[in-house]
């Protein structure tokens, strides 16, 4: 499970089920690295860093086409 908003050291936030989303490894790591996030409607939000890599096929396939 990945956390929707950062947990830091706050145990309550870490165990709060409303702050978790099931993601595969690729997207979980992208969230951890602040490359992607989700808005309040769970729509994918791309960082400027990801958008700058739009020319690469992998970025198109796994991020831009979603």
Protein backbone atom coordinates (compact mmCIF):
# COMPACT_ATOMS: atom_id res chain seq x y z
CA UNK A 1 0.00 0.00 0.00
CA UNK A 2 1.14 3.50 -0.74
CA UNK A 3 0.19 6.56 1.25
CA UNK A 4 -1.76 9.33 -0.44
CA UNK A 5 -0.21 12.02 1.69
CA UNK A 6 3.14 11.89 3.45
CA UNK A 7 3.25 10.08 6.78
CA UNK A 8 6.58 11.17 8.21
CA UNK A 9 6.68 9.82 11.74
CA UNK A 10 3.00 10.24 12.61
CA UNK A 11 1.78 6.72 13.42
CA UNK A 12 -1.91 7.69 13.26
CA UNK A 13 -1.60 8.91 9.68
CA UNK A 14 0.45 5.88 8.65
CA UNK A 15 -2.23 3.42 9.81
CA UNK A 16 -5.21 5.48 8.61
CA UNK A 17 -6.90 3.47 5.84
CA UNK A 18 -8.21 6.65 4.20
CA UNK A 19 -4.60 7.63 3.51
CA UNK A 20 -3.73 4.46 1.58
CA UNK A 21 -4.07 3.35 -2.00
CA UNK A 22 -3.10 0.03 -3.60
CA UNK A 23 -0.46 0.58 -6.28
CA UNK A 24 1.94 -1.67 -8.13
CA UNK A 25 5.66 -1.21 -7.61
CA UNK A 26 6.17 1.27 -10.47
CA UNK A 27 3.50 3.70 -9.29
CA UNK A 28 4.28 3.19 -5.61
CA UNK A 29 7.90 4.20 -6.18
CA UNK A 30 6.79 7.15 -8.33
CA UNK A 31 4.60 8.36 -5.44
CA UNK A 32 7.47 7.94 -2.97
CA UNK A 33 9.72 10.01 -5.24
CA UNK A 34 7.05 12.71 -5.66
CA UNK A 35 6.80 12.07 -9.40
CA UNK A 36 3.07 11.43 -9.29
CA UNK A 37 0.23 12.05 -6.89
CA UNK A 38 -3.55 11.83 -6.91
CA UNK A 39 -6.14 14.54 -6.50
CA UNK A 40 -9.21 14.31 -4.27
CA UNK A 41 -11.04 12.40 -7.05
CA UNK A 42 -8.14 9.93 -7.37
CA UNK A 43 -7.14 11.37 -10.74
CA UNK A 44 -3.45 10.97 -11.52
CA UNK A 45 -1.40 14.17 -11.21
CA UNK A 46 2.01 14.22 -12.88
CA UNK A 47 4.93 16.25 -11.60
CA UNK A 48 6.68 18.71 -13.88
CA UNK A 49 9.66 16.35 -13.88
CA UNK A 50 7.56 13.56 -15.42
CA UNK A 51 5.93 15.92 -17.91
CA UNK A 52 9.39 17.06 -19.04
CA UNK A 53 10.17 13.46 -20.03
CA UNK A 54 7.09 13.15 -22.28
CA UNK A 55 9.20 12.30 -25.34
CA UNK A 56 10.15 8.92 -23.91
CA UNK A 57 7.96 5.95 -24.84
CA UNK A 58 7.94 4.54 -21.30
CA UNK A 59 6.67 7.83 -19.88
CA UNK A 60 3.99 8.01 -22.58
CA UNK A 61 2.84 4.45 -22.01
CA UNK A 62 2.84 4.31 -18.22
CA UNK A 63 2.04 7.88 -17.23
CA UNK A 64 0.69 10.10 -20.01
CA UNK A 65 -1.85 7.64 -21.43
CA UNK A 66 -3.50 7.09 -18.06
